[in-house]
Amino acid sequence: MGDHFKTDVDQLGTFLRTLEGCIRDLNEARAALAHVRADQIGTKRLDEACDGFQERWKYGSEETRKLIETISQGVKSNKKNYEEVEDALEKAFQHLAKSTTEGQGGAH
């Protein structure tokens, strides 16, 4: 099973930056739309439709932001865990190599 599972920690970092960019983009879009008022657009029917859209957009974008932040926290945690495992493995292999080399040096 381990032969088929590989994790690229750098890719997790890239994914994390992408998620953070999504949050920034959503916040910027919400800020831009917050200044547009329905009464600036035109007919009463269009104004009402725009007001409805603004409410749905605000709710939807806030929920999307929360989900992205939750995913982002999970990715950060997983990335940290993978880095810790890689670091521990590297140290273990270095220790093993050092003790093997020292053992050979004493036998000669």
PDB file of N, CA and C in Angstrom:
ATOM      1  N   MET A   1       0.825  -1.189   0.000  1.00  0.00           N
ATOM      2  CA  MET A   1       0.000   0.000   0.000  1.00  0.00           C
ATOM      3  C   MET A   1       0.870   1.253   0.000  1.00  0.00           C
ATOM      4  N   GLY A   2       1.950   1.278   0.762  1.00  0.00           N
ATOM      5  CA  GLY A   2       2.824   2.431   0.828  1.00  0.00           C
ATOM      6  C   GLY A   2       3.471   2.764  -0.503  1.00  0.00           C
ATOM      7  N   ASP A   3       3.597   1.784  -1.392  1.00  0.00           N
ATOM      8  CA  ASP A   3       4.201   2.023  -2.694  1.00  0.00           C
ATOM      9  C   ASP A   3       3.354   2.947  -3.556  1.00  0.00           C
ATOM     10  N   HIS A   4       2.080   3.050  -3.260  1.00  0.00           N
ATOM     11  CA  HIS A   4       1.172   3.803  -4.108  1.00  0.00           C
ATOM     12  C   HIS A   4       0.804   5.161  -3.521  1.00  0.00           C
ATOM     13  N   PHE A   5       1.229   5.434  -2.311  1.00  0.00           N
ATOM     14  CA  PHE A   5       0.871   6.684  -1.653  1.00  0.00           C
ATOM     15  C   PHE A   5       2.099   7.565  -1.511  1.00  0.00           C
ATOM     16  N   LYS A   6       2.058   8.720  -2.155  1.00  0.00           N
ATOM     17  CA  LYS A   6       3.166   9.661  -2.070  1.00  0.00           C
ATOM     18  C   LYS A   6       2.594  11.045  -1.839  1.00  0.00           C
ATOM     19  N   THR A   7       3.288  11.804  -1.021  1.00  0.00           N
ATOM     20  CA  THR A   7       2.860  13.167  -0.731  1.00  0.00           C
ATOM     21  C   THR A   7       3.997  14.121  -1.042  1.00  0.00           C
ATOM     22  N   ASP A   8       3.695  15.117  -1.828  1.00  0.00           N
ATOM     23  CA  ASP A   8       4.663  16.146  -2.174  1.00  0.00           C
ATOM     24  C   ASP A   8       4.368  17.351  -1.283  1.00  0.00           C
ATOM     25  N   VAL A   9       5.206  17.559  -0.279  1.00  0.00           N
ATOM     26  CA  VAL A   9       4.987  18.632   0.683  1.00  0.00           C
ATOM     27  C   VAL A   9       5.007  19.991  -0.006  1.00  0.00           C
ATOM     28  N   ASP A  10       5.849  20.156  -1.018  1.00  0.00           N
ATOM     29  CA  ASP A  10       5.880  21.419  -1.752  1.00  0.00           C
ATOM     30  C   ASP A  10       4.540  21.686  -2.446  1.00  0.00           C
ATOM     31  N   GLN A  11       3.922  20.625  -2.964  1.00  0.00           N
ATOM     32  CA  GLN A  11       2.609  20.783  -3.606  1.00  0.00           C
ATOM     33  C   GLN A  11       1.547  21.168  -2.577  1.00  0.00           C
ATOM     34  N   LEU A  12       1.665  20.637  -1.350  1.00  0.00           N
ATOM     35  CA  LEU A  12       0.729  21.047  -0.296  1.00  0.00           C
ATOM     36  C   LEU A  12       0.886  22.544  -0.030  1.00  0.00           C
ATOM     37  N   GLY A  13       2.121  23.023  -0.026  1.00  0.00           N
ATOM     38  CA  GLY A  13       2.363  24.455   0.153  1.00  0.00           C
ATOM     39  C   GLY A  13       1.758  25.278  -0.970  1.00  0.00           C
ATOM     40  N   THR A  14       1.904  24.803  -2.188  1.00  0.00           N
ATOM     41  CA  THR A  14       1.316  25.492  -3.345  1.00  0.00           C
ATOM     42  C   THR A  14      -0.205  25.516  -3.236  1.00  0.00           C
ATOM     43  N   PHE A  15      -0.792  24.380  -2.856  1.00  0.00           N
ATOM     44  CA  PHE A  15      -2.240  24.289  -2.694  1.00  0.00           C
ATOM     45  C   PHE A  15      -2.708  25.251  -1.605  1.00  0.00           C
ATOM     46  N   LEU A  16      -1.947  25.324  -0.544  1.00  0.00           N
ATOM     47  CA  LEU A  16      -2.280  26.220   0.561  1.00  0.00           C
ATOM     48  C   LEU A  16      -2.271  27.678   0.099  1.00  0.00           C
ATOM     49  N   ARG A  17      -1.271  28.062  -0.670  1.00  0.00           N
ATOM     50  CA  ARG A  17      -1.217  29.431  -1.195  1.00  0.00           C
ATOM     51  C   ARG A  17      -2.391  29.695  -2.140  1.00  0.00           C
ATOM     52  N   THR A  18      -2.788  28.692  -2.914  1.00  0.00           N
ATOM     53  CA  THR A  18      -3.944  28.846  -3.800  1.00  0.00           C
ATOM     54  C   THR A  18      -5.216  29.080  -2.991  1.00  0.00           C
ATOM     55  N   LEU A  19      -5.385  28.305  -1.928  1.00  0.00           N
ATOM     56  CA  LEU A  19      -6.566  28.484  -1.072  1.00  0.00           C
ATOM     57  C   LEU A  19      -6.580  29.874  -0.439  1.00  0.00           C
ATOM     58  N   GLU A  20      -5.432  30.314   0.025  1.00  0.00           N
ATOM     59  CA  GLU A  20      -5.349  31.650   0.623  1.00  0.00           C
ATOM     60  C   GLU A  20      -5.662  32.724  -0.411  1.00  0.00           C
ATOM     61  N   GLY A  21      -5.233  32.513  -1.656  1.00  0.00           N
ATOM     62  CA  GLY A  21      -5.561  33.435  -2.741  1.00  0.00           C
ATOM     63  C   GLY A  21      -7.059  33.475  -3.010  1.00  0.00           C
ATOM     64  N   CYS A  22      -7.709  32.323  -2.919  1.00  0.00           N
ATOM     65  CA  CYS A  22      -9.167  32.265  -3.111  1.00  0.00           C
ATOM     66  C   CYS A  22      -9.887  33.103  -2.057  1.00  0.00           C
ATOM     67  N   ILE A  23      -9.423  33.007  -0.821  1.00  0.00           N
ATOM     68  CA  ILE A  23     -10.034  33.790   0.250  1.00  0.00           C
ATOM     69  C   ILE A  23      -9.857  35.285  -0.031  1.00  0.00           C
ATOM     70  N   ARG A  24      -8.644  35.676  -0.429  1.00  0.00           N
ATOM     71  CA  ARG A  24      -8.401  37.095  -0.757  1.00  0.00           C
ATOM     72  C   ARG A  24      -9.316  37.543  -1.899  1.00  0.00           C
ATOM     73  N   ASP A  25      -9.422  36.716  -2.948  1.00  0.00           N
ATOM     74  CA  ASP A  25     -10.263  37.074  -4.092  1.00  0.00           C
ATOM     75  C   ASP A  25     -11.725  37.220  -3.694  1.00  0.00           C
ATOM     76  N   LEU A  26     -12.219  36.307  -2.873  1.00  0.00           N
ATOM     77  CA  LEU A  26     -13.607  36.403  -2.407  1.00  0.00           C
ATOM     78  C   LEU A  26     -13.820  37.680  -1.602  1.00  0.00           C
ATOM     79  N   ASN A  27     -12.889  37.969  -0.713  1.00  0.00           N
ATOM     80  CA  ASN A  27     -13.020  39.182   0.095  1.00  0.00           C
ATOM     81  C   ASN A  27     -13.000  40.436  -0.773  1.00  0.00           C
ATOM     82  N   GLU A  28     -12.126  40.464  -1.777  1.00  0.00           N
ATOM     83  CA  GLU A  28     -12.061  41.616  -2.677  1.00  0.00           C
ATOM     84  C   GLU A  28     -13.349  41.756  -3.496  1.00  0.00           C
ATOM     85  N   ALA A  29     -13.876  40.635  -3.964  1.00  0.00           N
ATOM     86  CA  ALA A  29     -15.117  40.683  -4.749  1.00  0.00           C
ATOM     87  C   ALA A  29     -16.276  41.177  -3.885  1.00  0.00           C
ATOM     88  N   ARG A  30     -16.337  40.676  -2.652  1.00  0.00           N
ATOM     89  CA  ARG A  30     -17.404  41.135  -1.752  1.00  0.00           C
ATOM     90  C   ARG A  30     -17.268  42.621  -1.464  1.00  0.00           C
ATOM     91  N   ALA A  31     -16.048  43.079  -1.237  1.00  0.00           N
ATOM     92  CA  ALA A  31     -15.832  44.501  -0.950  1.00  0.00           C
ATOM     93  C   ALA A  31     -16.237  45.356  -2.150  1.00  0.00           C
ATOM     94  N   ALA A  32     -15.903  44.899  -3.345  1.00  0.00           N
ATOM     95  CA  ALA A  32     -16.251  45.654  -4.554  1.00  0.00           C
ATOM     96  C   ALA A  32     -17.761  45.713  -4.742  1.00  0.00           C
ATOM     97  N   LEU A  33     -18.435  44.610  -4.523  1.00  0.00           N
ATOM     98  CA  LEU A  33     -19.891  44.581  -4.703  1.00  0.00           C
ATOM     99  C   LEU A  33     -20.633  45.295  -3.582  1.00  0.00           C
ATOM    100  N   ALA A  34     -20.019  45.407  -2.429  1.00  0.00           N
ATOM    101  CA  ALA A  34     -20.688  46.056  -1.299  1.00  0.00           C
ATOM    102  C   ALA A  34     -20.977  47.523  -1.586  1.00  0.00           C
ATOM    103  N   HIS A  35     -20.196  48.131  -2.470  1.00  0.00           N
ATOM    104  CA  HIS A  35     -20.371  49.552  -2.773  1.00  0.00           C
ATOM    105  C   HIS A  35     -21.415  49.787  -3.864  1.00  0.00           C
ATOM    106  N   VAL A  36     -21.853  48.737  -4.525  1.00  0.00           N
ATOM    107  CA  VAL A  36     -22.850  48.883  -5.578  1.00  0.00           C
ATOM    108  C   VAL A  36     -24.229  48.720  -4.950  1.00  0.00           C
ATOM    109  N   ARG A  37     -25.039  49.730  -5.037  1.00  0.00           N
ATOM    110  CA  ARG A  37     -26.383  49.698  -4.476  1.00  0.00           C
ATOM    111  C   ARG A  37     -27.383  49.470  -5.594  1.00  0.00           C
ATOM    112  N   ALA A  38     -28.409  48.748  -5.271  1.00  0.00           N
ATOM    113  CA  ALA A  38     -29.420  48.414  -6.267  1.00  0.00           C
ATOM    114  C   ALA A  38     -30.088  49.653  -6.840  1.00  0.00           C
ATOM    115  N   ASP A  39     -30.263  50.682  -6.025  1.00  0.00           N
ATOM    116  CA  ASP A  39     -30.946  51.872  -6.524  1.00  0.00           C
ATOM    117  C   ASP A  39     -30.114  52.641  -7.556  1.00  0.00           C
ATOM    118  N   GLN A  40     -28.892  52.209  -7.801  1.00  0.00           N
ATOM    119  CA  GLN A  40     -28.040  52.847  -8.797  1.00  0.00           C
ATOM    120  C   GLN A  40     -28.187  52.204 -10.170  1.00  0.00           C
ATOM    121  N   ILE A  41     -28.911  51.099 -10.242  1.00  0.00           N
ATOM    122  CA  ILE A  41     -28.906  50.308 -11.466  1.00  0.00           C
ATOM    123  C   ILE A  41     -30.042  50.674 -12.424  1.00  0.00           C
ATOM    124  N   GLY A  42     -31.250  50.810 -11.920  1.00  0.00           N
ATOM    125  CA  GLY A  42     -32.305  51.120 -12.882  1.00  0.00           C
ATOM    126  C   GLY A  42     -33.705  50.861 -12.372  1.00  0.00           C
ATOM    127  N   THR A  43     -34.416  49.981 -13.052  1.00  0.00           N
ATOM    128  CA  THR A  43     -35.827  49.755 -12.766  1.00  0.00           C
ATOM    129  C   THR A  43     -36.030  49.131 -11.392  1.00  0.00           C
ATOM    130  N   LYS A  44     -37.250  49.255 -10.882  1.00  0.00           N
ATOM    131  CA  LYS A  44     -37.580  48.710  -9.572  1.00  0.00           C
ATOM    132  C   LYS A  44     -37.364  47.194  -9.560  1.00  0.00           C
ATOM    133  N   ARG A  45     -37.796  46.519 -10.600  1.00  0.00           N
ATOM    134  CA  ARG A  45     -37.656  45.060 -10.680  1.00  0.00           C
ATOM    135  C   ARG A  45     -36.167  44.662 -10.690  1.00  0.00           C
ATOM    136  N   LEU A  46     -35.375  45.368 -11.449  1.00  0.00           N
ATOM    137  CA  LEU A  46     -33.942  45.097 -11.505  1.00  0.00           C
ATOM    138  C   LEU A  46     -33.289  45.403 -10.156  1.00  0.00           C
ATOM    139  N   ASP A  47     -33.711  46.512  -9.536  1.00  0.00           N
ATOM    140  CA  ASP A  47     -33.186  46.870  -8.218  1.00  0.00           C
ATOM    141  C   ASP A  47     -33.478  45.770  -7.197  1.00  0.00           C
ATOM    142  N   GLU A  48     -34.685  45.231  -7.206  1.00  0.00           N
ATOM    143  CA  GLU A  48     -35.063  44.163  -6.269  1.00  0.00           C
ATOM    144  C   GLU A  48     -34.255  42.897  -6.543  1.00  0.00           C
ATOM    145  N   ALA A  49     -34.074  42.587  -7.817  1.00  0.00           N
ATOM    146  CA  ALA A  49     -33.279  41.409  -8.170  1.00  0.00           C
ATOM    147  C   ALA A  49     -31.838  41.578  -7.707  1.00  0.00           C
ATOM    148  N   CYS A  50     -31.306  42.780  -7.857  1.00  0.00           N
ATOM    149  CA  CYS A  50     -29.933  43.040  -7.415  1.00  0.00           C
ATOM    150  C   CYS A  50     -29.812  42.957  -5.904  1.00  0.00           C
ATOM    151  N   ASP A  51     -30.806  43.478  -5.194  1.00  0.00           N
ATOM    152  CA  ASP A  51     -30.786  43.372  -3.736  1.00  0.00           C
ATOM    153  C   ASP A  51     -30.785  41.901  -3.309  1.00  0.00           C
ATOM    154  N   GLY A  52     -31.617  41.111  -3.951  1.00  0.00           N
ATOM    155  CA  GLY A  52     -31.669  39.675  -3.638  1.00  0.00           C
ATOM    156  C   GLY A  52     -30.341  38.994  -3.929  1.00  0.00           C
ATOM    157  N   PHE A  53     -29.754  39.337  -5.063  1.00  0.00           N
ATOM    158  CA  PHE A  53     -28.458  38.768  -5.411  1.00  0.00           C
ATOM    159  C   PHE A  53     -27.406  39.151  -4.386  1.00  0.00           C
ATOM    160  N   GLN A  54     -27.395  40.425  -3.988  1.00  0.00           N
ATOM    161  CA  GLN A  54     -26.404  40.884  -3.009  1.00  0.00           C
ATOM    162  C   GLN A  54     -26.508  40.073  -1.719  1.00  0.00           C
ATOM    163  N   GLU A  55     -27.705  39.826  -1.253  1.00  0.00           N
ATOM    164  CA  GLU A  55     -27.891  39.042  -0.019  1.00  0.00           C
ATOM    165  C   GLU A  55     -27.411  37.608  -0.202  1.00  0.00           C
ATOM    166  N   ARG A  56     -27.783  36.985  -1.311  1.00  0.00           N
ATOM    167  CA  ARG A  56     -27.354  35.598  -1.563  1.00  0.00           C
ATOM    168  C   ARG A  56     -25.843  35.538  -1.756  1.00  0.00           C
ATOM    169  N   TRP A  57     -25.290  36.506  -2.489  1.00  0.00           N
ATOM    170  CA  TRP A  57     -23.851  36.546  -2.720  1.00  0.00           C
ATOM    171  C   TRP A  57     -23.110  36.701  -1.398  1.00  0.00           C
ATOM    172  N   LYS A  58     -23.583  37.600  -0.548  1.00  0.00           N
ATOM    173  CA  LYS A  58     -22.936  37.823   0.744  1.00  0.00           C
ATOM    174  C   LYS A  58     -22.949  36.533   1.558  1.00  0.00           C
ATOM    175  N   TYR A  59     -24.113  35.902   1.670  1.00  0.00           N
ATOM    176  CA  TYR A  59     -24.219  34.661   2.440  1.00  0.00           C
ATOM    177  C   TYR A  59     -23.352  33.562   1.815  1.00  0.00           C
ATOM    178  N   GLY A  60     -23.470  33.375   0.515  1.00  0.00           N
ATOM    179  CA  GLY A  60     -22.729  32.317  -0.169  1.00  0.00           C
ATOM    180  C   GLY A  60     -21.225  32.516  -0.100  1.00  0.00           C
ATOM    181  N   SER A  61     -20.783  33.746  -0.280  1.00  0.00           N
ATOM    182  CA  SER A  61     -19.345  33.987  -0.246  1.00  0.00           C
ATOM    183  C   SER A  61     -18.793  33.832   1.168  1.00  0.00           C
ATOM    184  N   GLU A  62     -19.570  34.203   2.174  1.00  0.00           N
ATOM    185  CA  GLU A  62     -19.127  34.002   3.556  1.00  0.00           C
ATOM    186  C   GLU A  62     -19.019  32.514   3.883  1.00  0.00           C
ATOM    187  N   GLU A  63     -19.994  31.742   3.435  1.00  0.00           N
ATOM    188  CA  GLU A  63     -19.955  30.288   3.671  1.00  0.00           C
ATOM    189  C   GLU A  63     -18.787  29.650   2.919  1.00  0.00           C
ATOM    190  N   THR A  64     -18.562  30.098   1.685  1.00  0.00           N
ATOM    191  CA  THR A  64     -17.444  29.580   0.901  1.00  0.00           C
ATOM    192  C   THR A  64     -16.117  29.912   1.575  1.00  0.00           C
ATOM    193  N   ARG A  65     -15.997  31.134   2.066  1.00  0.00           N
ATOM    194  CA  ARG A  65     -14.783  31.545   2.777  1.00  0.00           C
ATOM    195  C   ARG A  65     -14.547  30.661   4.004  1.00  0.00           C
ATOM    196  N   LYS A  66     -15.598  30.384   4.761  1.00  0.00           N
ATOM    197  CA  LYS A  66     -15.461  29.521   5.944  1.00  0.00           C
ATOM    198  C   LYS A  66     -14.981  28.122   5.552  1.00  0.00           C
ATOM    199  N   LEU A  67     -15.551  27.582   4.484  1.00  0.00           N
ATOM    200  CA  LEU A  67     -15.138  26.250   4.027  1.00  0.00           C
ATOM    201  C   LEU A  67     -13.685  26.248   3.569  1.00  0.00           C
ATOM    202  N   ILE A  68     -13.296  27.276   2.825  1.00  0.00           N
ATOM    203  CA  ILE A  68     -11.915  27.361   2.352  1.00  0.00           C
ATOM    204  C   ILE A  68     -10.962  27.485   3.538  1.00  0.00           C
ATOM    205  N   GLU A  69     -11.338  28.278   4.531  1.00  0.00           N
ATOM    206  CA  GLU A  69     -10.487  28.416   5.715  1.00  0.00           C
ATOM    207  C   GLU A  69     -10.353  27.092   6.459  1.00  0.00           C
ATOM    208  N   THR A  70     -11.434  26.325   6.546  1.00  0.00           N
ATOM    209  CA  THR A  70     -11.391  25.012   7.203  1.00  0.00           C
ATOM    210  C   THR A  70     -10.474  24.067   6.441  1.00  0.00           C
ATOM    211  N   ILE A  71     -10.611  24.040   5.124  1.00  0.00           N
ATOM    212  CA  ILE A  71      -9.737  23.198   4.296  1.00  0.00           C
ATOM    213  C   ILE A  71      -8.297  23.655   4.447  1.00  0.00           C
ATOM    214  N   SER A  72      -8.089  24.949   4.449  1.00  0.00           N
ATOM    215  CA  SER A  72      -6.746  25.510   4.576  1.00  0.00           C
ATOM    216  C   SER A  72      -6.092  25.078   5.892  1.00  0.00           C
ATOM    217  N   GLN A  73      -6.840  25.112   6.972  1.00  0.00           N
ATOM    218  CA  GLN A  73      -6.297  24.680   8.268  1.00  0.00           C
ATOM    219  C   GLN A  73      -5.924  23.201   8.227  1.00  0.00           C
ATOM    220  N   GLY A  74      -6.748  22.385   7.588  1.00  0.00           N
ATOM    221  CA  GLY A  74      -6.438  20.962   7.456  1.00  0.00           C
ATOM    222  C   GLY A  74      -5.180  20.725   6.642  1.00  0.00           C
ATOM    223  N   VAL A  75      -5.043  21.465   5.543  1.00  0.00           N
ATOM    224  CA  VAL A  75      -3.850  21.324   4.700  1.00  0.00           C
ATOM    225  C   VAL A  75      -2.613  21.772   5.471  1.00  0.00           C
ATOM    226  N   LYS A  76      -2.707  22.886   6.218  1.00  0.00           N
ATOM    227  CA  LYS A  76      -1.576  23.351   7.027  1.00  0.00           C
ATOM    228  C   LYS A  76      -1.158  22.283   8.025  1.00  0.00           C
ATOM    229  N   SER A  77      -2.136  21.695   8.688  1.00  0.00           N
ATOM    230  CA  SER A  77      -1.852  20.665   9.683  1.00  0.00           C
ATOM    231  C   SER A  77      -1.200  19.440   9.042  1.00  0.00           C
ATOM    232  N   ASN A  78      -1.749  18.991   7.921  1.00  0.00           N
ATOM    233  CA  ASN A  78      -1.181  17.840   7.220  1.00  0.00           C
ATOM    234  C   ASN A  78       0.228  18.131   6.724  1.00  0.00           C
ATOM    235  N   LYS A  79       0.437  19.323   6.172  1.00  0.00           N
ATOM    236  CA  LYS A  79       1.765  19.704   5.680  1.00  0.00           C
ATOM    237  C   LYS A  79       2.771  19.672   6.828  1.00  0.00           C
ATOM    238  N   LYS A  80       2.393  20.238   7.953  1.00  0.00           N
ATOM    239  CA  LYS A  80       3.282  20.247   9.118  1.00  0.00           C
ATOM    240  C   LYS A  80       3.599  18.818   9.557  1.00  0.00           C
ATOM    241  N   ASN A  81       2.588  17.967   9.607  1.00  0.00           N
ATOM    242  CA  ASN A  81       2.804  16.579  10.012  1.00  0.00           C
ATOM    243  C   ASN A  81       3.737  15.842   9.052  1.00  0.00           C
ATOM    244  N   TYR A  82       3.537  16.032   7.752  1.00  0.00           N
ATOM    245  CA  TYR A  82       4.415  15.383   6.765  1.00  0.00           C
ATOM    246  C   TYR A  82       5.848  15.888   6.904  1.00  0.00           C
ATOM    247  N   GLU A  83       5.997  17.189   7.124  1.00  0.00           N
ATOM    248  CA  GLU A  83       7.339  17.743   7.288  1.00  0.00           C
ATOM    249  C   GLU A  83       8.018  17.162   8.536  1.00  0.00           C
ATOM    250  N   GLU A  84       7.252  17.011   9.612  1.00  0.00           N
ATOM    251  CA  GLU A  84       7.820  16.439  10.838  1.00  0.00           C
ATOM    252  C   GLU A  84       8.237  14.985  10.618  1.00  0.00           C
ATOM    253  N   VAL A  85       7.419  14.216   9.904  1.00  0.00           N
ATOM    254  CA  VAL A  85       7.755  12.820   9.622  1.00  0.00           C
ATOM    255  C   VAL A  85       8.998  12.752   8.740  1.00  0.00           C
ATOM    256  N   GLU A  86       9.047  13.585   7.696  1.00  0.00           N
ATOM    257  CA  GLU A  86      10.227  13.595   6.821  1.00  0.00           C
ATOM    258  C   GLU A  86      11.483  13.965   7.597  1.00  0.00           C
ATOM    259  N   ASP A  87      11.374  14.936   8.482  1.00  0.00           N
ATOM    260  CA  ASP A  87      12.516  15.363   9.285  1.00  0.00           C
ATOM    261  C   ASP A  87      12.971  14.234  10.218  1.00  0.00           C
ATOM    262  N   ALA A  88      12.014  13.571  10.859  1.00  0.00           N
ATOM    263  CA  ALA A  88      12.350  12.466  11.762  1.00  0.00           C
ATOM    264  C   ALA A  88      13.000  11.311  10.999  1.00  0.00           C
ATOM    265  N   LEU A  89      12.481  11.006   9.814  1.00  0.00           N
ATOM    266  CA  LEU A  89      13.074   9.942   9.000  1.00  0.00           C
ATOM    267  C   LEU A  89      14.490  10.299   8.568  1.00  0.00           C
ATOM    268  N   GLU A  90      14.683  11.539   8.154  1.00  0.00           N
ATOM    269  CA  GLU A  90      16.014  11.972   7.733  1.00  0.00           C
ATOM    270  C   GLU A  90      17.006  11.847   8.887  1.00  0.00           C
ATOM    271  N   LYS A  91      16.595  12.278  10.073  1.00  0.00           N
ATOM    272  CA  LYS A  91      17.481  12.187  11.241  1.00  0.00           C
ATOM    273  C   LYS A  91      17.773  10.728  11.600  1.00  0.00           C
ATOM    274  N   ALA A  92      16.756   9.881  11.494  1.00  0.00           N
ATOM    275  CA  ALA A  92      16.948   8.464  11.794  1.00  0.00           C
ATOM    276  C   ALA A  92      17.917   7.819  10.806  1.00  0.00           C
ATOM    277  N   PHE A  93      17.778   8.142   9.526  1.00  0.00           N
ATOM    278  CA  PHE A  93      18.693   7.591   8.524  1.00  0.00           C
ATOM    279  C   PHE A  93      20.115   8.115   8.717  1.00  0.00           C
ATOM    280  N   GLN A  94      20.231   9.396   9.057  1.00  0.00           N
ATOM    281  CA  GLN A  94      21.559   9.948   9.324  1.00  0.00           C
ATOM    282  C   GLN A  94      22.204   9.266  10.528  1.00  0.00           C
ATOM    283  N   HIS A  95      21.420   9.052  11.566  1.00  0.00           N
ATOM    284  CA  HIS A  95      21.930   8.375  12.760  1.00  0.00           C
ATOM    285  C   HIS A  95      22.349   6.943  12.416  1.00  0.00           C
ATOM    286  N   LEU A  96      21.529   6.255  11.642  1.00  0.00           N
ATOM    287  CA  LEU A  96      21.832   4.887  11.228  1.00  0.00           C
ATOM    288  C   LEU A  96      23.108   4.853  10.386  1.00  0.00           C
ATOM    289  N   ALA A  97      23.223   5.784   9.445  1.00  0.00           N
ATOM    290  CA  ALA A  97      24.415   5.836   8.595  1.00  0.00           C
ATOM    291  C   ALA A  97      25.659   6.128   9.430  1.00  0.00           C
ATOM    292  N   LYS A  98      25.538   7.022  10.372  1.00  0.00           N
ATOM    293  CA  LYS A  98      26.664   7.380  11.228  1.00  0.00           C
ATOM    294  C   LYS A  98      27.086   6.188  12.083  1.00  0.00           C
ATOM    295  N   SER A  99      26.121   5.505  12.683  1.00  0.00           N
ATOM    296  CA  SER A  99      26.466   4.364  13.541  1.00  0.00           C
ATOM    297  C   SER A  99      27.003   3.198  12.719  1.00  0.00           C
ATOM    298  N   THR A 100      26.542   3.026  11.488  1.00  0.00           N
ATOM    299  CA  THR A 100      27.058   1.975  10.617  1.00  0.00           C
ATOM    300  C   THR A 100      28.491   2.297  10.211  1.00  0.00           C
ATOM    301  N   THR A 101      28.748   3.547   9.867  1.00  0.00           N
ATOM    302  CA  THR A 101      30.087   3.982   9.482  1.00  0.00           C
ATOM    303  C   THR A 101      31.052   3.864  10.660  1.00  0.00           C
ATOM    304  N   GLU A 102      30.634   4.255  11.826  1.00  0.00           N
ATOM    305  CA  GLU A 102      31.478   4.150  13.016  1.00  0.00           C
ATOM    306  C   GLU A 102      31.773   2.690  13.345  1.00  0.00           C
ATOM    307  N   GLY A 103      30.779   1.835  13.147  1.00  0.00           N
ATOM    308  CA  GLY A 103      30.951   0.396  13.411  1.00  0.00           C
ATOM    309  C   GLY A 103      31.962  -0.208  12.445  1.00  0.00           C
ATOM    310  N   GLN A 104      31.974   0.226  11.199  1.00  0.00           N
ATOM    311  CA  GLN A 104      32.921  -0.300  10.211  1.00  0.00           C
ATOM    312  C   GLN A 104      34.313   0.220  10.494  1.00  0.00           C
ATOM    313  N   GLY A 105      34.413   1.461  10.939  1.00  0.00           N
ATOM    314  CA  GLY A 105      35.728   2.060  11.211  1.00  0.00           C
ATOM    315  C   GLY A 105      36.432   1.366  12.364  1.00  0.00           C
ATOM    316  N   GLY A 106      35.680   0.908  13.356  1.00  0.00           N
ATOM    317  CA  GLY A 106      36.278   0.222  14.498  1.00  0.00           C
ATOM    318  C   GLY A 106      36.688  -1.197  14.168  1.00  0.00           C
ATOM    319  N   ALA A 107      36.116  -1.808  13.134  1.00  0.00           N
ATOM    320  CA  ALA A 107      36.407  -3.207  12.809  1.00  0.00           C
ATOM    321  C   ALA A 107      37.720  -3.336  12.060  1.00  0.00           C
ATOM    322  N   HIS A 108      38.182  -2.286  11.420  1.00  0.00           N
ATOM    323  CA  HIS A 108      39.408  -2.358  10.618  1.00  0.00           C
ATOM    324  C   HIS A 108      40.579  -2.338  11.461  1.00  0.00           C
TER     325      HIS A 108
END
